[in-house]
Amino acid sequence: MKLYIKYMVSLRCKMVVKDELNKLGLRYAVVDLGMVEISGDISEQQRQLLKKNLLNSGLELLDDKKSILIEKIKNVIIEMVNDSKDVSKVNYSDYISAELDCDYPYLSTMFSEVKGITIQQFIIISKIERVKELLLYDEITLNEIAYKLHYSSAAHLSNQFKKITGLSPSFFKKLGQKRKEHVENL
């Protein structure tokens, strides 16, 4: 049985979910971003308790098909951006459609209705979040980040970053370094 979980976007989230499943004595085959595959059945009481416990951790067990589909779309995009899968030769819409085995216009309409933004806008926001992470890690240059995330150039990335965050990548990086130094000095 598959369960879908909203806001499950990191390794820490996976660990929280595994812990909650173990507490309830639920065996699982797979715990992935946004999805858990339970071995066997789950009682309504276990489901409600899991739902309550996940909410306390900032996660949400999804029940309706629309929410589940939206979460699947978001997870495909987040994985695509974070893993930097080689989708540069494939149109994002074709990639998402193929991953979810669903017609893209339907996915796009549903996503926009529920989230209030387009899939393309969500992709851009997700990419900028990934850029922020990579800038703070300070392991690769802006040019390398642009290449890794399939931007045409570092200038294009910088323009999009500033449009979304209001800051240049270099200023954002300096702020992150100052914050890190401040925390280390405490």
N, C-alpha and C. Protein backbone atom coordinates (compact mmCIF):
# COMPACT_ATOMS: atom_id res chain seq x y z
N MET A 1 0.84 -1.18 0.00
CA MET A 1 0.00 0.00 0.00
C MET A 1 0.89 1.24 0.00
N LYS A 2 0.57 2.19 -0.86
CA LYS A 2 1.35 3.42 -0.94
C LYS A 2 0.64 4.55 -0.20
N LEU A 3 1.43 5.32 0.53
CA LEU A 3 0.95 6.52 1.20
C LEU A 3 1.75 7.69 0.66
N TYR A 4 1.10 8.83 0.51
CA TYR A 4 1.78 10.01 -0.01
C TYR A 4 1.83 11.08 1.07
N ILE A 5 3.01 11.71 1.17
CA ILE A 5 3.27 12.66 2.25
C ILE A 5 3.74 13.99 1.68
N LYS A 6 3.07 15.05 2.09
CA LYS A 6 3.38 16.40 1.64
C LYS A 6 4.52 16.98 2.48
N TYR A 7 5.35 17.81 1.85
CA TYR A 7 6.49 18.50 2.46
C TYR A 7 7.67 17.58 2.75
N MET A 8 7.65 16.38 2.23
CA MET A 8 8.73 15.42 2.46
C MET A 8 9.78 15.62 1.37
N VAL A 9 10.79 16.45 1.65
CA VAL A 9 11.71 16.85 0.59
C VAL A 9 13.18 16.64 0.91
N SER A 10 13.48 15.98 2.02
CA SER A 10 14.90 15.82 2.38
C SER A 10 15.16 14.48 3.06
N LEU A 11 16.43 14.21 3.26
CA LEU A 11 16.84 13.00 3.96
C LEU A 11 16.32 13.02 5.40
N ARG A 12 16.34 14.19 6.02
CA ARG A 12 15.83 14.31 7.39
C ARG A 12 14.34 13.95 7.44
N CYS A 13 13.59 14.37 6.43
CA CYS A 13 12.16 14.04 6.37
C CYS A 13 11.97 12.53 6.28
N LYS A 14 12.80 11.88 5.47
CA LYS A 14 12.72 10.42 5.35
C LYS A 14 12.97 9.75 6.70
N MET A 15 13.96 10.26 7.44
CA MET A 15 14.28 9.69 8.74
C MET A 15 13.12 9.88 9.73
N VAL A 16 12.49 11.03 9.70
CA VAL A 16 11.34 11.30 10.57
C VAL A 16 10.21 10.32 10.25
N VAL A 17 9.93 10.14 8.97
CA VAL A 17 8.85 9.23 8.55
C VAL A 17 9.16 7.80 8.97
N LYS A 18 10.38 7.35 8.73
CA LYS A 18 10.77 5.99 9.13
C LYS A 18 10.58 5.80 10.64
N ASP A 19 10.98 6.80 11.40
CA ASP A 19 10.85 6.74 12.86
C ASP A 19 9.38 6.61 13.26
N GLU A 20 8.52 7.40 12.64
CA GLU A 20 7.09 7.36 12.96
C GLU A 20 6.48 6.01 12.57
N LEU A 21 6.89 5.47 11.43
CA LEU A 21 6.39 4.16 10.99
C LEU A 21 6.82 3.08 11.97
N ASN A 22 8.07 3.15 12.40
CA ASN A 22 8.58 2.17 13.36
C ASN A 22 7.83 2.25 14.69
N LYS A 23 7.55 3.47 15.16
CA LYS A 23 6.81 3.65 16.42
C LYS A 23 5.44 2.98 16.36
N LEU A 24 4.82 3.01 15.17
CA LEU A 24 3.49 2.42 15.01
C LEU A 24 3.55 0.94 14.64
N GLY A 25 4.77 0.42 14.52
CA GLY A 25 4.92 -1.00 14.16
C GLY A 25 4.55 -1.30 12.72
N LEU A 26 4.64 -0.29 11.87
CA LEU A 26 4.32 -0.47 10.45
C LEU A 26 5.60 -0.80 9.68
N ARG A 27 5.56 -1.91 8.98
CA ARG A 27 6.71 -2.29 8.15
C ARG A 27 6.58 -1.61 6.80
N TYR A 28 7.72 -1.15 6.32
CA TYR A 28 7.72 -0.45 5.04
C TYR A 28 8.74 -1.08 4.10
N ALA A 29 8.41 -1.05 2.82
CA ALA A 29 9.32 -1.55 1.80
C ALA A 29 10.15 -0.41 1.25
N VAL A 30 9.53 0.75 1.07
CA VAL A 30 10.19 1.91 0.47
C VAL A 30 9.77 3.18 1.21
N VAL A 31 10.74 4.04 1.49
CA VAL A 31 10.47 5.38 1.98
C VAL A 31 11.23 6.31 1.05
N ASP A 32 10.49 7.02 0.21
CA ASP A 32 11.10 7.90 -0.77
C ASP A 32 10.51 9.30 -0.59
N LEU A 33 11.04 10.27 -1.30
CA LEU A 33 10.52 11.63 -1.19
C LEU A 33 9.04 11.66 -1.56
N GLY A 34 8.20 12.02 -0.61
CA GLY A 34 6.78 12.16 -0.86
C GLY A 34 5.99 10.87 -0.89
N MET A 35 6.64 9.72 -0.71
CA MET A 35 5.93 8.45 -0.84
C MET A 35 6.52 7.39 0.07
N VAL A 36 5.60 6.59 0.65
CA VAL A 36 5.99 5.46 1.49
C VAL A 36 5.21 4.26 1.00
N GLU A 37 5.90 3.15 0.86
CA GLU A 37 5.21 1.91 0.50
C GLU A 37 5.21 1.02 1.74
N ILE A 38 4.01 0.79 2.27
CA ILE A 38 3.81 -0.01 3.48
C ILE A 38 3.65 -1.48 3.08
N SER A 39 4.30 -2.36 3.83
CA SER A 39 4.10 -3.79 3.62
C SER A 39 2.85 -4.19 4.39
N GLY A 40 1.83 -4.59 3.69
CA GLY A 40 0.58 -4.97 4.34
C GLY A 40 -0.39 -3.81 4.42
N ASP A 41 -1.37 -3.96 5.30
CA ASP A 41 -2.41 -2.95 5.45
C ASP A 41 -2.15 -2.05 6.65
N ILE A 42 -2.84 -0.92 6.67
CA ILE A 42 -2.75 0.03 7.78
C ILE A 42 -4.18 0.27 8.27
N SER A 43 -4.38 0.14 9.56
CA SER A 43 -5.72 0.36 10.12
C SER A 43 -6.03 1.85 10.09
N GLU A 44 -7.32 2.16 10.22
CA GLU A 44 -7.73 3.57 10.24
C GLU A 44 -7.13 4.27 11.46
N GLN A 45 -7.06 3.56 12.59
CA GLN A 45 -6.47 4.13 13.80
C GLN A 45 -4.99 4.43 13.59
N GLN A 46 -4.25 3.50 12.96
CA GLN A 46 -2.83 3.73 12.67
C GLN A 46 -2.66 4.90 11.71
N ARG A 47 -3.54 4.97 10.71
CA ARG A 47 -3.48 6.05 9.72
C ARG A 47 -3.67 7.40 10.38
N GLN A 48 -4.65 7.51 11.27
CA GLN A 48 -4.93 8.78 11.95
C GLN A 48 -3.79 9.17 12.88
N LEU A 49 -3.22 8.17 13.57
CA LEU A 49 -2.09 8.44 14.46
C LEU A 49 -0.86 8.87 13.66
N LEU A 50 -0.61 8.21 12.55
CA LEU A 50 0.50 8.58 11.67
C LEU A 50 0.30 10.00 11.16
N LYS A 51 -0.92 10.29 10.74
CA LYS A 51 -1.25 11.63 10.23
C LYS A 51 -0.97 12.69 11.29
N LYS A 52 -1.40 12.44 12.52
CA LYS A 52 -1.21 13.38 13.63
C LYS A 52 0.29 13.55 13.93
N ASN A 53 1.01 12.45 14.02
CA ASN A 53 2.44 12.51 14.35
C ASN A 53 3.25 13.19 13.25
N LEU A 54 2.89 12.95 12.00
CA LEU A 54 3.59 13.61 10.90
C LEU A 54 3.34 15.11 10.92
N LEU A 55 2.11 15.50 11.22
CA LEU A 55 1.77 16.94 11.31
C LEU A 55 2.63 17.63 12.36
N ASN A 56 2.89 16.95 13.47
CA ASN A 56 3.74 17.51 14.53
C ASN A 56 5.16 17.75 14.04
N SER A 57 5.57 17.03 12.99
CA SER A 57 6.91 17.18 12.42
C SER A 57 6.91 18.05 11.17
N GLY A 58 5.77 18.66 10.87
CA GLY A 58 5.69 19.54 9.70
C GLY A 58 5.41 18.81 8.40
N LEU A 59 4.99 17.56 8.48
CA LEU A 59 4.67 16.77 7.29
C LEU A 59 3.17 16.49 7.28
N GLU A 60 2.63 16.19 6.11
CA GLU A 60 1.19 15.98 6.00
C GLU A 60 0.89 14.74 5.18
N LEU A 61 0.15 13.82 5.77
CA LEU A 61 -0.30 12.63 5.06
C LEU A 61 -1.44 13.04 4.15
N LEU A 62 -1.30 12.75 2.86
CA LEU A 62 -2.30 13.18 1.88
C LEU A 62 -3.38 12.12 1.70
N ASP A 63 -4.60 12.60 1.49
CA ASP A 63 -5.72 11.69 1.31
C ASP A 63 -6.37 11.80 -0.07
N ASP A 64 -6.47 13.02 -0.61
CA ASP A 64 -7.20 13.15 -1.86
C ASP A 64 -6.28 13.04 -3.08
N LYS A 65 -6.83 12.56 -4.17
CA LYS A 65 -6.07 12.27 -5.39
C LYS A 65 -5.41 13.51 -5.98
N LYS A 66 -6.07 14.66 -5.90
CA LYS A 66 -5.52 15.88 -6.45
C LYS A 66 -4.24 16.27 -5.70
N SER A 67 -4.29 16.24 -4.38
CA SER A 67 -3.12 16.58 -3.57
C SER A 67 -1.97 15.61 -3.82
N ILE A 68 -2.32 14.35 -3.97
CA ILE A 68 -1.31 13.32 -4.22
C ILE A 68 -0.61 13.59 -5.55
N LEU A 69 -1.39 13.93 -6.58
CA LEU A 69 -0.82 14.21 -7.90
C LEU A 69 0.09 15.44 -7.84
N ILE A 70 -0.34 16.48 -7.16
CA ILE A 70 0.47 17.70 -7.05
C ILE A 70 1.78 17.38 -6.35
N GLU A 71 1.72 16.59 -5.29
CA GLU A 71 2.92 16.21 -4.56
C GLU A 71 3.86 15.39 -5.44
N LYS A 72 3.30 14.53 -6.26
CA LYS A 72 4.13 13.73 -7.19
C LYS A 72 4.85 14.66 -8.17
N ILE A 73 4.13 15.64 -8.70
CA ILE A 73 4.73 16.59 -9.65
C ILE A 73 5.88 17.34 -8.96
N LYS A 74 5.62 17.84 -7.76
CA LYS A 74 6.65 18.59 -7.01
C LYS A 74 7.86 17.71 -6.75
N ASN A 75 7.65 16.47 -6.38
CA ASN A 75 8.77 15.58 -6.07
C ASN A 75 9.59 15.25 -7.31
N VAL A 76 8.94 15.06 -8.45
CA VAL A 76 9.67 14.82 -9.70
C VAL A 76 10.55 16.03 -10.01
N ILE A 77 10.00 17.22 -9.84
CA ILE A 77 10.76 18.44 -10.12
C ILE A 77 11.92 18.60 -9.14
N ILE A 78 11.67 18.40 -7.86
CA ILE A 78 12.72 18.55 -6.85
C ILE A 78 13.84 17.55 -7.08
N GLU A 79 13.47 16.30 -7.37
CA GLU A 79 14.49 15.28 -7.65
C GLU A 79 15.27 15.65 -8.92
N MET A 80 14.56 16.13 -9.92
CA MET A 80 15.18 16.52 -11.18
C MET A 80 16.21 17.62 -10.95
N VAL A 81 15.84 18.61 -10.16
CA VAL A 81 16.73 19.74 -9.88
C VAL A 81 17.87 19.33 -8.96
N ASN A 82 17.57 18.63 -7.88
CA ASN A 82 18.60 18.26 -6.91
C ASN A 82 19.58 17.23 -7.44
N ASP A 83 19.09 16.31 -8.23
CA ASP A 83 19.97 15.29 -8.79
C ASP A 83 20.65 15.78 -10.05
N SER A 84 20.25 16.94 -10.54
CA SER A 84 20.76 17.49 -11.80
C SER A 84 20.75 16.43 -12.89
N LYS A 85 19.64 15.72 -12.95
CA LYS A 85 19.50 14.69 -13.98
C LYS A 85 19.72 15.33 -15.34
N ASP A 86 20.23 14.54 -16.24
CA ASP A 86 20.53 15.07 -17.57
C ASP A 86 19.25 15.20 -18.38
N VAL A 87 18.50 16.25 -18.07
CA VAL A 87 17.27 16.51 -18.80
C VAL A 87 17.44 17.70 -19.74
N SER A 88 18.70 18.14 -19.89
CA SER A 88 18.94 19.31 -20.73
C SER A 88 18.56 19.05 -22.19
N LYS A 89 18.63 17.78 -22.60
CA LYS A 89 18.29 17.43 -23.99
C LYS A 89 16.80 17.17 -24.15
N VAL A 90 16.09 17.07 -23.03
CA VAL A 90 14.67 16.77 -23.04
C VAL A 90 13.92 17.97 -22.48
N ASN A 91 12.80 18.25 -23.07
CA ASN A 91 11.93 19.31 -22.59
C ASN A 91 11.42 18.92 -21.20
N TYR A 92 11.40 19.88 -20.25
CA TYR A 92 10.91 19.59 -18.90
C TYR A 92 9.51 18.98 -18.93
N SER A 93 8.64 19.53 -19.76
CA SER A 93 7.27 19.02 -19.81
C SER A 93 7.24 17.57 -20.27
N ASP A 94 8.07 17.22 -21.25
CA ASP A 94 8.14 15.83 -21.69
C ASP A 94 8.68 14.93 -20.58
N TYR A 95 9.68 15.41 -19.86
CA TYR A 95 10.29 14.63 -18.79
C TYR A 95 9.27 14.36 -17.67
N ILE A 96 8.59 15.41 -17.22
CA ILE A 96 7.61 15.27 -16.14
C ILE A 96 6.48 14.36 -16.57
N SER A 97 5.99 14.56 -17.78
CA SER A 97 4.93 13.72 -18.31
C SER A 97 5.33 12.26 -18.36
N ALA A 98 6.55 11.99 -18.81
CA ALA A 98 7.04 10.61 -18.89
C ALA A 98 7.22 10.01 -17.50
N GLU A 99 7.76 10.77 -16.56
CA GLU A 99 7.99 10.27 -15.20
C GLU A 99 6.68 9.90 -14.50
N LEU A 100 5.64 10.67 -14.77
CA LEU A 100 4.35 10.44 -14.11
C LEU A 100 3.36 9.67 -14.99
N ASP A 101 3.79 9.39 -16.22
CA ASP A 101 2.95 8.66 -17.16
C ASP A 101 1.56 9.29 -17.26
N CYS A 102 1.59 10.60 -17.52
CA CYS A 102 0.35 11.37 -17.56
C CYS A 102 0.50 12.51 -18.57
N ASP A 103 -0.58 12.91 -19.17
CA ASP A 103 -0.61 13.98 -20.17
C ASP A 103 -0.20 15.31 -19.52
N TYR A 104 0.80 15.99 -20.10
CA TYR A 104 1.32 17.21 -19.50
C TYR A 104 0.28 18.33 -19.39
N PRO A 105 -0.54 18.59 -20.41
CA PRO A 105 -1.53 19.67 -20.24
C PRO A 105 -2.44 19.44 -19.03
N TYR A 106 -2.80 18.19 -18.77
CA TYR A 106 -3.61 17.87 -17.59
C TYR A 106 -2.82 18.18 -16.32
N LEU A 107 -1.56 17.72 -16.26
CA LEU A 107 -0.71 17.97 -15.09
C LEU A 107 -0.55 19.46 -14.85
N SER A 108 -0.29 20.18 -15.93
CA SER A 108 -0.06 21.62 -15.86
C SER A 108 -1.29 22.37 -15.34
N THR A 109 -2.45 22.04 -15.88
CA THR A 109 -3.69 22.68 -15.46
C THR A 109 -3.98 22.39 -13.99
N MET A 110 -3.85 21.13 -13.61
CA MET A 110 -4.11 20.72 -12.23
C MET A 110 -3.15 21.44 -11.27
N PHE A 111 -1.87 21.48 -11.62
CA PHE A 111 -0.86 22.12 -10.78
C PHE A 111 -1.18 23.60 -10.60
N SER A 112 -1.48 24.28 -11.68
CA SER A 112 -1.77 25.72 -11.62
C SER A 112 -3.02 26.00 -10.80
N GLU A 113 -4.05 25.17 -10.95
CA GLU A 113 -5.28 25.36 -10.18
C GLU A 113 -5.03 25.24 -8.68
N VAL A 114 -4.25 24.23 -8.30
CA VAL A 114 -4.04 23.95 -6.88
C VAL A 114 -2.99 24.87 -6.27
N LYS A 115 -1.85 25.08 -6.96
CA LYS A 115 -0.74 25.82 -6.38
C LYS A 115 -0.78 27.32 -6.67
N GLY A 116 -1.51 27.72 -7.69
CA GLY A 116 -1.58 29.15 -8.03
C GLY A 116 -0.37 29.65 -8.80
N ILE A 117 0.52 28.75 -9.19
CA ILE A 117 1.67 29.08 -10.04
C ILE A 117 1.79 27.98 -11.10
N THR A 118 2.53 28.28 -12.15
CA THR A 118 2.71 27.27 -13.19
C THR A 118 3.82 26.29 -12.79
N ILE A 119 3.86 25.17 -13.48
CA ILE A 119 4.93 24.21 -13.25
C ILE A 119 6.28 24.87 -13.55
N GLN A 120 6.34 25.65 -14.61
CA GLN A 120 7.59 26.32 -14.99
C GLN A 120 8.06 27.26 -13.88
N GLN A 121 7.14 27.99 -13.26
CA GLN A 121 7.50 28.87 -12.16
C GLN A 121 8.03 28.05 -10.97
N PHE A 122 7.40 26.90 -10.72
CA PHE A 122 7.86 26.04 -9.63
C PHE A 122 9.26 25.49 -9.93
N ILE A 123 9.52 25.16 -11.18
CA ILE A 123 10.85 24.68 -11.57
C ILE A 123 11.90 25.77 -11.30
N ILE A 124 11.59 26.99 -11.70
CA ILE A 124 12.52 28.10 -11.48
C ILE A 124 12.77 28.31 -9.98
N ILE A 125 11.73 28.32 -9.20
CA ILE A 125 11.87 28.49 -7.75
C ILE A 125 12.71 27.36 -7.15
N SER A 126 12.47 26.14 -7.60
CA SER A 126 13.23 24.99 -7.11
C SER A 126 14.70 25.09 -7.50
N LYS A 127 14.96 25.55 -8.72
CA LYS A 127 16.34 25.71 -9.16
C LYS A 127 17.05 26.79 -8.34
N ILE A 128 16.36 27.87 -8.05
CA ILE A 128 16.96 28.95 -7.27
C ILE A 128 17.24 28.46 -5.84
N GLU A 129 16.37 27.66 -5.28
CA GLU A 129 16.63 27.08 -3.95
C GLU A 129 17.88 26.20 -3.98
N ARG A 130 18.04 25.45 -5.07
CA ARG A 130 19.23 24.61 -5.21
C ARG A 130 20.49 25.47 -5.37
N VAL A 131 20.37 26.56 -6.12
CA VAL A 131 21.49 27.49 -6.28
C VAL A 131 21.90 28.04 -4.92
N LYS A 132 20.93 28.43 -4.10
CA LYS A 132 21.23 28.94 -2.76
C LYS A 132 22.05 27.92 -1.97
N GLU A 133 21.60 26.67 -2.00
CA GLU A 133 22.33 25.60 -1.30
C GLU A 133 23.76 25.50 -1.79
N LEU A 134 23.92 25.44 -3.09
CA LEU A 134 25.25 25.28 -3.67
C LEU A 134 26.15 26.47 -3.38
N LEU A 135 25.57 27.67 -3.37
CA LEU A 135 26.36 28.86 -3.03
C LEU A 135 26.84 28.80 -1.59
N LEU A 136 25.98 28.35 -0.70
CA LEU A 136 26.34 28.28 0.71
C LEU A 136 27.36 27.18 0.99
N TYR A 137 27.31 26.09 0.22
CA TYR A 137 28.31 25.03 0.37
C TYR A 137 29.68 25.53 -0.06
N ASP A 138 29.70 26.48 -1.00
CA ASP A 138 30.92 27.12 -1.47
C ASP A 138 31.95 26.11 -2.00
N GLU A 139 31.48 25.11 -2.71
CA GLU A 139 32.38 24.09 -3.25
C GLU A 139 32.60 24.23 -4.75
N ILE A 140 31.65 24.89 -5.44
CA ILE A 140 31.80 25.07 -6.88
C ILE A 140 31.48 26.53 -7.24
N THR A 141 31.98 26.95 -8.38
CA THR A 141 31.81 28.33 -8.83
C THR A 141 30.41 28.55 -9.39
N LEU A 142 30.07 29.82 -9.58
CA LEU A 142 28.77 30.16 -10.17
C LEU A 142 28.66 29.60 -11.59
N ASN A 143 29.76 29.65 -12.34
CA ASN A 143 29.75 29.06 -13.69
C ASN A 143 29.45 27.57 -13.64
N GLU A 144 30.04 26.87 -12.67
CA GLU A 144 29.80 25.44 -12.53
C GLU A 144 28.36 25.16 -12.10
N ILE A 145 27.84 26.01 -11.23
CA ILE A 145 26.44 25.87 -10.81
C ILE A 145 25.52 26.07 -12.01
N ALA A 146 25.80 27.09 -12.81
CA ALA A 146 24.98 27.36 -14.00
C ALA A 146 24.99 26.15 -14.93
N TYR A 147 26.15 25.58 -15.14
CA TYR A 147 26.26 24.41 -16.02
C TYR A 147 25.51 23.22 -15.42
N LYS A 148 25.71 23.00 -14.14
CA LYS A 148 25.09 21.86 -13.43
C LYS A 148 23.57 21.93 -13.50
N LEU A 149 23.01 23.13 -13.42
CA LEU A 149 21.56 23.30 -13.41
C LEU A 149 20.98 23.68 -14.78
N HIS A 150 21.81 23.52 -15.82
CA HIS A 150 21.38 23.69 -17.21
C HIS A 150 20.94 25.11 -17.56
N TYR A 151 21.63 26.10 -16.98
CA TYR A 151 21.42 27.48 -17.40
C TYR A 151 22.31 27.74 -18.60
N SER A 152 21.90 28.64 -19.47
CA SER A 152 22.69 28.94 -20.66
C SER A 152 24.00 29.64 -20.31
N SER A 153 24.00 30.37 -19.17
CA SER A 153 25.21 31.08 -18.74
C SER A 153 25.07 31.48 -17.27
N ALA A 154 26.19 31.86 -16.68
CA ALA A 154 26.17 32.35 -15.30
C ALA A 154 25.39 33.67 -15.23
N ALA A 155 25.46 34.46 -16.30
CA ALA A 155 24.73 35.73 -16.33
C ALA A 155 23.22 35.48 -16.29
N HIS A 156 22.76 34.49 -17.06
CA HIS A 156 21.33 34.15 -17.07
C HIS A 156 20.91 33.69 -15.67
N LEU A 157 21.73 32.84 -15.05
CA LEU A 157 21.45 32.37 -13.70
C LEU A 157 21.40 33.56 -12.73
N SER A 158 22.37 34.45 -12.81
CA SER A 158 22.42 35.61 -11.91
C SER A 158 21.17 36.48 -12.06
N ASN A 159 20.75 36.70 -13.30
CA ASN A 159 19.56 37.52 -13.54
C ASN A 159 18.32 36.87 -12.94
N GLN A 160 18.18 35.56 -13.13
CA GLN A 160 17.02 34.86 -12.60
C GLN A 160 17.07 34.83 -11.07
N PHE A 161 18.26 34.63 -10.51
CA PHE A 161 18.44 34.61 -9.06
C PHE A 161 18.00 35.95 -8.46
N LYS A 162 18.46 37.03 -9.07
CA LYS A 162 18.12 38.37 -8.56
C LYS A 162 16.62 38.65 -8.70
N LYS A 163 16.03 38.20 -9.79
CA LYS A 163 14.60 38.40 -10.03
C LYS A 163 13.77 37.69 -8.95
N ILE A 164 14.20 36.50 -8.55
CA ILE A 164 13.45 35.72 -7.56
C ILE A 164 13.75 36.15 -6.13
N THR A 165 15.02 36.39 -5.81
CA THR A 165 15.41 36.66 -4.41
C THR A 165 15.57 38.15 -4.10
N GLY A 166 15.80 38.95 -5.13
CA GLY A 166 16.08 40.36 -4.90
C GLY A 166 17.55 40.62 -4.60
N LEU A 167 18.36 39.57 -4.59
CA LEU A 167 19.79 39.68 -4.28
C LEU A 167 20.62 39.09 -5.41
N SER A 168 21.83 39.57 -5.55
CA SER A 168 22.74 38.93 -6.51
C SER A 168 23.29 37.68 -5.84
N PRO A 169 23.72 36.69 -6.62
CA PRO A 169 24.30 35.48 -6.02
C PRO A 169 25.50 35.79 -5.12
N SER A 170 26.35 36.73 -5.54
CA SER A 170 27.53 37.05 -4.74
C SER A 170 27.15 37.69 -3.40
N PHE A 171 26.15 38.56 -3.41
CA PHE A 171 25.69 39.18 -2.16
C PHE A 171 25.06 38.14 -1.25
N PHE A 172 24.26 37.23 -1.84
CA PHE A 172 23.65 36.16 -1.06
C PHE A 172 24.73 35.30 -0.39
N LYS A 173 25.77 34.99 -1.16
CA LYS A 173 26.87 34.17 -0.65
C LYS A 173 27.58 34.89 0.52
N LYS A 174 27.81 36.20 0.38
CA LYS A 174 28.45 36.98 1.46
C LYS A 174 27.58 36.98 2.71
N LEU A 175 26.27 37.13 2.54
CA LEU A 175 25.36 37.09 3.69
C LEU A 175 25.47 35.75 4.40
N GLY A 176 25.50 34.68 3.63
CA GLY A 176 25.63 33.33 4.19
C GLY A 176 26.92 33.15 4.95
N GLN A 177 28.01 33.70 4.41
CA GLN A 177 29.31 33.60 5.08
C GLN A 177 29.32 34.40 6.39
N LYS A 178 28.72 35.60 6.37
CA LYS A 178 28.63 36.41 7.58
C LYS A 178 27.81 35.70 8.65
N ARG A 179 26.70 35.09 8.23
CA ARG A 179 25.84 34.37 9.18
C ARG A 179 26.60 33.20 9.79
N LYS A 180 27.36 32.49 8.97
CA LYS A 180 28.15 31.34 9.42
C LYS A 180 29.20 31.80 10.43
N GLU A 181 29.91 32.90 10.12
CA GLU A 181 30.92 33.45 11.03
C GLU A 181 30.30 33.87 12.34
N HIS A 182 29.12 34.48 12.27
CA HIS A 182 28.42 34.93 13.47
C HIS A 182 28.07 33.74 14.36
N VAL A 183 27.58 32.66 13.78
CA VAL A 183 27.22 31.46 14.53
C VAL A 183 28.47 30.83 15.15
N GLU A 184 29.56 30.82 14.41
CA GLU A 184 30.81 30.23 14.93
C GLU A 184 31.37 31.03 16.10
N ASN A 185 31.11 32.34 16.10
CA ASN A 185 31.64 33.21 17.17
C ASN A 185 30.78 33.19 18.42
N LEU A 186 29.63 32.56 18.36
CA LEU A 186 28.75 32.53 19.54
C LEU A 186 29.24 31.56 20.57
